[in-house]
Amino acid sequence: MNKKILIVDDEKNIRMTLKHCLKEEGYEIDSAVNGEEALKKSIEEEFDLMLLDIKMPGLTGMQVLSKVREKGSKIDVIMMTAYGTIEKAVEAMKLGAIDFISKPFTPDEIRSIVKEVLDRKDLEEAEVETFEDVIAYAKKCILEGSYSKAEEFLKKSIAINIDAPEPHNLLGILSEYRRKIQKAQMHYRAALALDPTYVAAEKNLQRTAQIRYTQVGMQLGDENDEQ
């Protein structure tokens, strides 16, 4: 059965662009023009994924996300953000958004992040075998708030590939969530020692070293991370 995606944006051009590029991938697409319609459809139908704009008139994307979670829905949500709303995106992830992408985005970028999120959702613990699978599952655990499980799998990934920087970068993210900034910096430096060109760890290290610390701009290492 094809995956069902709900697109929520008050801009018609955005809805049409997303619908066109995702239909080409074989997804079943529905759309909503505002938060009220999105909430109604998410209750009446089952969707695998919601692409939700943060800033809309009436019921905002943040309010939709909060109400959807209050009703117990486990639907995966990718928040779509515009310039100046990145802090809201971080807040959205704490409310249960699985990921976010910033506007403007290309069709290839949206297809890539949708595929990654849906593949991550289907990844079961028993099926995790390769290094790539272990990293993907660890990211899934991080975004779901299962930090101990994420740490367990990141340690497994290091055993599989001791030269890869990705596990150390993600261990840094986990340390930040636990408010252990110095430990996070240690992990970011470990990632850079393995690969001095690993951009995600470099940006995370620079961000945590600022006088005014912020979690805004965390880099999981996905190609759609906020720039």
C-alpha atoms as a PDB file:
ATOM      1  CA  MET A   1       0.000   0.000   0.000  1.00  0.00           C
ATOM      2  CA  ASN A   2       1.306   3.470  -0.901  1.00  0.00           C
ATOM      3  CA  LYS A   3       2.313   5.783   1.909  1.00  0.00           C
ATOM      4  CA  LYS A   4      -0.210   8.556   2.606  1.00  0.00           C
ATOM      5  CA  ILE A   5       1.074  12.094   3.090  1.00  0.00           C
ATOM      6  CA  LEU A   6      -0.864  15.157   4.263  1.00  0.00           C
ATOM      7  CA  ILE A   7       0.504  18.505   3.056  1.00  0.00           C
ATOM      8  CA  VAL A   8      -0.471  21.490   5.210  1.00  0.00           C
ATOM      9  CA  ASP A   9       0.355  24.997   3.963  1.00  0.00           C
ATOM     10  CA  ASP A  10      -1.693  28.149   3.385  1.00  0.00           C
ATOM     11  CA  GLU A  11       0.290  28.921   0.207  1.00  0.00           C
ATOM     12  CA  LYS A  12      -1.247  27.282  -2.864  1.00  0.00           C
ATOM     13  CA  ASN A  13       2.037  27.226  -4.803  1.00  0.00           C
ATOM     14  CA  ILE A  14       3.771  25.332  -2.009  1.00  0.00           C
ATOM     15  CA  ARG A  15       0.950  22.787  -1.814  1.00  0.00           C
ATOM     16  CA  MET A  16       0.962  22.236  -5.572  1.00  0.00           C
ATOM     17  CA  THR A  17       4.753  21.930  -5.783  1.00  0.00           C
ATOM     18  CA  LEU A  18       4.885  19.400  -2.962  1.00  0.00           C
ATOM     19  CA  LYS A  19       1.948  17.442  -4.335  1.00  0.00           C
ATOM     20  CA  HIS A  20       3.493  17.246  -7.803  1.00  0.00           C
ATOM     21  CA  CYS A  21       6.987  16.138  -6.747  1.00  0.00           C
ATOM     22  CA  LEU A  22       5.772  13.590  -4.186  1.00  0.00           C
ATOM     23  CA  LYS A  23       3.100  12.069  -6.408  1.00  0.00           C
ATOM     24  CA  GLU A  24       5.876  11.240  -8.854  1.00  0.00           C
ATOM     25  CA  GLU A  25       7.365   9.029  -6.129  1.00  0.00           C
ATOM     26  CA  GLY A  26       4.125   7.036  -5.833  1.00  0.00           C
ATOM     27  CA  TYR A  27       2.851   8.531  -2.581  1.00  0.00           C
ATOM     28  CA  GLU A  28      -0.863   9.098  -1.972  1.00  0.00           C
ATOM     29  CA  ILE A  29      -1.274  12.834  -1.343  1.00  0.00           C
ATOM     30  CA  ASP A  30      -3.918  14.926   0.401  1.00  0.00           C
ATOM     31  CA  SER A  31      -3.674  18.574   1.395  1.00  0.00           C
ATOM     32  CA  ALA A  32      -5.063  21.117   3.837  1.00  0.00           C
ATOM     33  CA  VAL A  33      -5.122  24.904   3.419  1.00  0.00           C
ATOM     34  CA  ASN A  34      -4.983  25.720   7.134  1.00  0.00           C
ATOM     35  CA  GLY A  35      -4.459  24.269  10.577  1.00  0.00           C
ATOM     36  CA  GLU A  36      -8.151  23.672  11.285  1.00  0.00           C
ATOM     37  CA  GLU A  37      -8.577  21.566   8.133  1.00  0.00           C
ATOM     38  CA  ALA A  38      -5.323  19.687   8.867  1.00  0.00           C
ATOM     39  CA  LEU A  39      -6.462  18.797  12.376  1.00  0.00           C
ATOM     40  CA  LYS A  40      -9.834  17.583  11.094  1.00  0.00           C
ATOM     41  CA  LYS A  41      -8.292  15.414   8.368  1.00  0.00           C
ATOM     42  CA  SER A  42      -5.641  13.967  10.685  1.00  0.00           C
ATOM     43  CA  ILE A  43      -8.406  12.814  13.033  1.00  0.00           C
ATOM     44  CA  GLU A  44     -10.686  11.415  10.333  1.00  0.00           C
ATOM     45  CA  GLU A  45      -8.011   9.642   8.263  1.00  0.00           C
ATOM     46  CA  GLU A  46      -4.757   7.803   8.864  1.00  0.00           C
ATOM     47  CA  PHE A  47      -1.627   9.300   7.307  1.00  0.00           C
ATOM     48  CA  ASP A  48       1.953   8.062   7.405  1.00  0.00           C
ATOM     49  CA  LEU A  49       3.425  11.552   7.301  1.00  0.00           C
ATOM     50  CA  MET A  50       2.389  15.191   7.625  1.00  0.00           C
ATOM     51  CA  LEU A  51       4.307  18.067   6.025  1.00  0.00           C
ATOM     52  CA  LEU A  52       3.284  20.954   8.256  1.00  0.00           C
ATOM     53  CA  ASP A  53       4.051  24.643   7.805  1.00  0.00           C
ATOM     54  CA  ILE A  54       4.876  26.357  11.085  1.00  0.00           C
ATOM     55  CA  LYS A  55       3.547  29.823  10.271  1.00  0.00           C
ATOM     56  CA  MET A  56      -0.107  29.917   9.146  1.00  0.00           C
ATOM     57  CA  PRO A  57      -3.037  32.223   9.891  1.00  0.00           C
ATOM     58  CA  GLY A  58      -5.545  30.873  12.379  1.00  0.00           C
ATOM     59  CA  LEU A  59      -4.366  27.627  13.940  1.00  0.00           C
ATOM     60  CA  THR A  60      -0.582  27.622  13.563  1.00  0.00           C
ATOM     61  CA  GLY A  61       1.553  24.619  12.733  1.00  0.00           C
ATOM     62  CA  MET A  62       2.820  24.495  16.309  1.00  0.00           C
ATOM     63  CA  GLN A  63      -0.738  24.412  17.617  1.00  0.00           C
ATOM     64  CA  VAL A  64      -1.706  21.691  15.142  1.00  0.00           C
ATOM     65  CA  LEU A  65       1.267  19.596  16.209  1.00  0.00           C
ATOM     66  CA  SER A  66       0.447  20.049  19.889  1.00  0.00           C
ATOM     67  CA  LYS A  67      -3.227  19.114  19.403  1.00  0.00           C
ATOM     68  CA  VAL A  68      -2.363  16.101  17.228  1.00  0.00           C
ATOM     69  CA  ARG A  69      -0.040  14.784  19.938  1.00  0.00           C
ATOM     70  CA  GLU A  70      -2.611  15.508  22.671  1.00  0.00           C
ATOM     71  CA  LYS A  71      -5.023  13.213  20.822  1.00  0.00           C
ATOM     72  CA  GLY A  72      -2.446  10.423  20.877  1.00  0.00           C
ATOM     73  CA  SER A  73      -1.625  10.442  17.178  1.00  0.00           C
ATOM     74  CA  LYS A  74       1.784   8.952  16.303  1.00  0.00           C
ATOM     75  CA  ILE A  75       1.856  10.396  12.781  1.00  0.00           C
ATOM     76  CA  ASP A  76       5.326  11.481  11.692  1.00  0.00           C
ATOM     77  CA  VAL A  77       5.516  15.239  11.171  1.00  0.00           C
ATOM     78  CA  ILE A  78       8.068  17.230   9.181  1.00  0.00           C
ATOM     79  CA  MET A  79       7.841  20.914  10.021  1.00  0.00           C
ATOM     80  CA  MET A  80       8.390  23.372   7.169  1.00  0.00           C
ATOM     81  CA  THR A  81      10.044  26.558   8.365  1.00  0.00           C
ATOM     82  CA  ALA A  82      10.755  29.958   6.878  1.00  0.00           C
ATOM     83  CA  TYR A  83      13.535  32.365   7.732  1.00  0.00           C
ATOM     84  CA  GLY A  84      13.273  33.530  11.329  1.00  0.00           C
ATOM     85  CA  THR A  85      11.379  30.495  12.653  1.00  0.00           C
ATOM     86  CA  ILE A  86      14.277  28.124  13.365  1.00  0.00           C
ATOM     87  CA  GLU A  87      13.842  28.406  17.139  1.00  0.00           C
ATOM     88  CA  LYS A  88      10.248  27.292  16.659  1.00  0.00           C
ATOM     89  CA  ALA A  89      11.528  24.289  14.715  1.00  0.00           C
ATOM     90  CA  VAL A  90      13.613  23.207  17.692  1.00  0.00           C
ATOM     91  CA  GLU A  91      10.574  23.606  19.942  1.00  0.00           C
ATOM     92  CA  ALA A  92       8.550  21.575  17.444  1.00  0.00           C
ATOM     93  CA  MET A  93      10.987  18.675  17.648  1.00  0.00           C
ATOM     94  CA  LYS A  94      10.548  18.662  21.424  1.00  0.00           C
ATOM     95  CA  LEU A  95       6.779  18.404  20.830  1.00  0.00           C
ATOM     96  CA  GLY A  96       7.276  15.358  18.653  1.00  0.00           C
ATOM     97  CA  ALA A  97       8.085  16.593  15.156  1.00  0.00           C
ATOM     98  CA  ILE A  98      10.332  14.026  13.525  1.00  0.00           C
ATOM     99  CA  ASP A  99      12.349  16.503  11.458  1.00  0.00           C
ATOM    100  CA  PHE A 100      12.221  19.899   9.781  1.00  0.00           C
ATOM    101  CA  ILE A 101      13.180  21.510   6.495  1.00  0.00           C
ATOM    102  CA  SER A 102      13.564  25.209   5.751  1.00  0.00           C
ATOM    103  CA  LYS A 103      12.026  27.143   2.876  1.00  0.00           C
ATOM    104  CA  PRO A 104      12.822  27.588   0.094  1.00  0.00           C
ATOM    105  CA  PHE A 105      13.573  23.966  -0.734  1.00  0.00           C
ATOM    106  CA  THR A 106      14.044  22.100  -3.997  1.00  0.00           C
ATOM    107  CA  PRO A 107      11.948  19.108  -5.128  1.00  0.00           C
ATOM    108  CA  ASP A 108      14.994  16.885  -4.663  1.00  0.00           C
ATOM    109  CA  GLU A 109      15.448  18.092  -1.081  1.00  0.00           C
ATOM    110  CA  ILE A 110      11.842  17.402  -0.151  1.00  0.00           C
ATOM    111  CA  ARG A 111      11.844  13.989  -1.825  1.00  0.00           C
ATOM    112  CA  SER A 112      15.050  13.114   0.013  1.00  0.00           C
ATOM    113  CA  ILE A 113      13.860  14.089   3.496  1.00  0.00           C
ATOM    114  CA  VAL A 114      10.453  12.428   3.010  1.00  0.00           C
ATOM    115  CA  LYS A 115      12.102   9.173   1.917  1.00  0.00           C
ATOM    116  CA  GLU A 116      14.557   9.302   4.802  1.00  0.00           C
ATOM    117  CA  VAL A 117      11.832   9.868   7.406  1.00  0.00           C
ATOM    118  CA  LEU A 118       9.549   7.157   6.010  1.00  0.00           C
ATOM    119  CA  ASP A 119      12.426   4.677   5.703  1.00  0.00           C
ATOM    120  CA  ARG A 120      13.487   5.508   9.259  1.00  0.00           C
ATOM    121  CA  LYS A 121       9.939   4.896  10.466  1.00  0.00           C
ATOM    122  CA  ASP A 122       9.868   1.436   8.890  1.00  0.00           C
ATOM    123  CA  LEU A 123      13.240   0.472  10.342  1.00  0.00           C
ATOM    124  CA  GLU A 124      12.712  -2.052  13.137  1.00  0.00           C
ATOM    125  CA  GLU A 125      15.309  -2.877  15.776  1.00  0.00           C
ATOM    126  CA  ALA A 126      15.454  -6.541  14.735  1.00  0.00           C
ATOM    127  CA  GLU A 127      16.307  -5.531  11.159  1.00  0.00           C
ATOM    128  CA  VAL A 128      19.243  -3.290  12.088  1.00  0.00           C
ATOM    129  CA  GLU A 129      22.404  -4.895  10.712  1.00  0.00           C
ATOM    130  CA  THR A 130      24.630  -2.581   8.665  1.00  0.00           C
ATOM    131  CA  PHE A 131      26.460   0.502   9.914  1.00  0.00           C
ATOM    132  CA  GLU A 132      24.039   2.694   7.940  1.00  0.00           C
ATOM    133  CA  ASP A 133      21.052   0.933   9.526  1.00  0.00           C
ATOM    134  CA  VAL A 134      22.480   1.384  13.022  1.00  0.00           C
ATOM    135  CA  ILE A 135      23.047   5.121  12.448  1.00  0.00           C
ATOM    136  CA  ALA A 136      19.538   5.558  10.999  1.00  0.00           C
ATOM    137  CA  TYR A 137      17.994   3.700  13.930  1.00  0.00           C
ATOM    138  CA  ALA A 138      19.982   5.760  16.426  1.00  0.00           C
ATOM    139  CA  LYS A 139      18.675   8.964  14.792  1.00  0.00           C
ATOM    140  CA  LYS A 140      15.156   7.581  15.008  1.00  0.00           C
ATOM    141  CA  CYS A 141      15.651   6.935  18.722  1.00  0.00           C
ATOM    142  CA  ILE A 142      17.041  10.441  19.265  1.00  0.00           C
ATOM    143  CA  LEU A 143      14.084  12.078  17.536  1.00  0.00           C
ATOM    144  CA  GLU A 144      11.660   9.892  19.509  1.00  0.00           C
ATOM    145  CA  GLY A 145      13.373  10.814  22.783  1.00  0.00           C
ATOM    146  CA  SER A 146      14.714   7.291  23.439  1.00  0.00           C
ATOM    147  CA  TYR A 147      18.172   8.540  24.402  1.00  0.00           C
ATOM    148  CA  SER A 148      19.446   5.444  26.210  1.00  0.00           C
ATOM    149  CA  LYS A 149      18.515   3.250  23.267  1.00  0.00           C
ATOM    150  CA  ALA A 150      20.157   5.719  20.891  1.00  0.00           C
ATOM    151  CA  GLU A 151      23.365   5.652  22.931  1.00  0.00           C
ATOM    152  CA  GLU A 152      23.349   1.850  22.924  1.00  0.00           C
ATOM    153  CA  PHE A 153      23.157   1.715  19.136  1.00  0.00           C
ATOM    154  CA  LEU A 154      25.711   4.469  18.606  1.00  0.00           C
ATOM    155  CA  LYS A 155      28.213   2.457  20.638  1.00  0.00           C
ATOM    156  CA  LYS A 156      27.415  -0.532  18.424  1.00  0.00           C
ATOM    157  CA  SER A 157      28.059   1.578  15.334  1.00  0.00           C
ATOM    158  CA  ILE A 158      31.506   2.531  16.632  1.00  0.00           C
ATOM    159  CA  ALA A 159      32.303  -1.154  17.053  1.00  0.00           C
ATOM    160  CA  ILE A 160      31.259  -1.725  13.436  1.00  0.00           C
ATOM    161  CA  ASN A 161      33.223   1.207  12.019  1.00  0.00           C
ATOM    162  CA  ILE A 162      35.765   2.745  14.387  1.00  0.00           C
ATOM    163  CA  ASP A 163      36.857   5.302  11.770  1.00  0.00           C
ATOM    164  CA  ALA A 164      33.445   6.903  11.181  1.00  0.00           C
ATOM    165  CA  PRO A 165      32.762  10.391  12.621  1.00  0.00           C
ATOM    166  CA  GLU A 166      28.952  10.135  12.573  1.00  0.00           C
ATOM    167  CA  PRO A 167      28.495   8.171  15.844  1.00  0.00           C
ATOM    168  CA  HIS A 168      30.665  10.624  17.798  1.00  0.00           C
ATOM    169  CA  ASN A 169      28.714  13.596  16.438  1.00  0.00           C
ATOM    170  CA  LEU A 170      25.411  12.000  17.475  1.00  0.00           C
ATOM    171  CA  LEU A 171      26.805  11.131  20.910  1.00  0.00           C
ATOM    172  CA  GLY A 172      27.574  14.839  21.191  1.00  0.00           C
ATOM    173  CA  ILE A 173      23.933  15.647  20.426  1.00  0.00           C
ATOM    174  CA  LEU A 174      22.826  13.220  23.153  1.00  0.00           C
ATOM    175  CA  SER A 175      25.193  14.862  25.638  1.00  0.00           C
ATOM    176  CA  GLU A 176      23.703  18.263  24.798  1.00  0.00           C
ATOM    177  CA  TYR A 177      20.194  16.981  25.423  1.00  0.00           C
ATOM    178  CA  ARG A 178      21.453  15.828  28.811  1.00  0.00           C
ATOM    179  CA  ARG A 179      22.967  19.289  29.451  1.00  0.00           C
ATOM    180  CA  LYS A 180      26.536  17.937  29.451  1.00  0.00           C
ATOM    181  CA  ILE A 181      28.100  20.519  27.156  1.00  0.00           C
ATOM    182  CA  GLN A 182      31.755  19.753  27.840  1.00  0.00           C
ATOM    183  CA  LYS A 183      31.165  16.070  27.151  1.00  0.00           C
ATOM    184  CA  ALA A 184      29.360  17.018  23.940  1.00  0.00           C
ATOM    185  CA  GLN A 185      32.353  19.063  22.824  1.00  0.00           C
ATOM    186  CA  MET A 186      34.605  16.078  23.516  1.00  0.00           C
ATOM    187  CA  HIS A 187      32.493  13.946  21.169  1.00  0.00           C
ATOM    188  CA  TYR A 188      32.497  16.637  18.466  1.00  0.00           C
ATOM    189  CA  ARG A 189      36.293  16.875  18.689  1.00  0.00           C
ATOM    190  CA  ALA A 190      36.516  13.088  18.418  1.00  0.00           C
ATOM    191  CA  ALA A 191      34.441  13.215  15.239  1.00  0.00           C
ATOM    192  CA  LEU A 192      36.692  15.912  13.785  1.00  0.00           C
ATOM    193  CA  ALA A 193      39.812  13.975  14.737  1.00  0.00           C
ATOM    194  CA  LEU A 194      38.517  11.139  12.589  1.00  0.00           C
ATOM    195  CA  ASP A 195      37.423  13.433   9.761  1.00  0.00           C
ATOM    196  CA  PRO A 196      38.486  17.111   9.888  1.00  0.00           C
ATOM    197  CA  THR A 197      36.075  17.869   7.005  1.00  0.00           C
ATOM    198  CA  TYR A 198      32.956  16.580   8.807  1.00  0.00           C
ATOM    199  CA  VAL A 199      30.826  19.732   8.687  1.00  0.00           C
ATOM    200  CA  ALA A 200      28.098  18.684  11.151  1.00  0.00           C
ATOM    201  CA  ALA A 201      30.596  18.165  14.001  1.00  0.00           C
ATOM    202  CA  GLU A 202      32.453  21.369  13.145  1.00  0.00           C
ATOM    203  CA  LYS A 203      29.254  23.433  13.292  1.00  0.00           C
ATOM    204  CA  ASN A 204      28.142  21.749  16.507  1.00  0.00           C
ATOM    205  CA  LEU A 205      31.499  22.432  18.145  1.00  0.00           C
ATOM    206  CA  GLN A 206      31.444  26.087  17.077  1.00  0.00           C
ATOM    207  CA  ARG A 207      27.863  26.492  18.304  1.00  0.00           C
ATOM    208  CA  THR A 208      28.525  24.982  21.744  1.00  0.00           C
ATOM    209  CA  ALA A 209      31.632  27.132  22.169  1.00  0.00           C
ATOM    210  CA  GLN A 210      29.685  30.391  21.798  1.00  0.00           C
ATOM    211  CA  ILE A 211      29.466  32.647  24.835  1.00  0.00           C
ATOM    212  CA  ARG A 212      25.686  32.479  24.601  1.00  0.00           C
ATOM    213  CA  TYR A 213      24.961  28.773  24.274  1.00  0.00           C
ATOM    214  CA  THR A 214      22.035  27.671  22.086  1.00  0.00           C
ATOM    215  CA  GLN A 215      20.689  24.371  20.765  1.00  0.00           C
ATOM    216  CA  VAL A 216      19.404  26.128  17.654  1.00  0.00           C
ATOM    217  CA  GLY A 217      21.157  24.699  14.604  1.00  0.00           C
ATOM    218  CA  MET A 218      21.904  21.211  15.937  1.00  0.00           C
ATOM    219  CA  GLN A 219      23.409  19.081  13.165  1.00  0.00           C
ATOM    220  CA  LEU A 220      22.371  15.406  13.108  1.00  0.00           C
ATOM    221  CA  GLY A 221      24.474  14.916  10.024  1.00  0.00           C
ATOM    222  CA  ASP A 222      21.546  14.670   7.576  1.00  0.00           C
ATOM    223  CA  GLU A 223      22.001  16.450   4.261  1.00  0.00           C
ATOM    224  CA  ASN A 224      18.907  18.535   5.032  1.00  0.00           C
ATOM    225  CA  ASP A 225      20.214  19.895   8.318  1.00  0.00           C
ATOM    226  CA  GLU A 226      19.727  23.613   8.816  1.00  0.00           C
ATOM    227  CA  GLN A 227      22.559  25.626   7.277  1.00  0.00           C
END
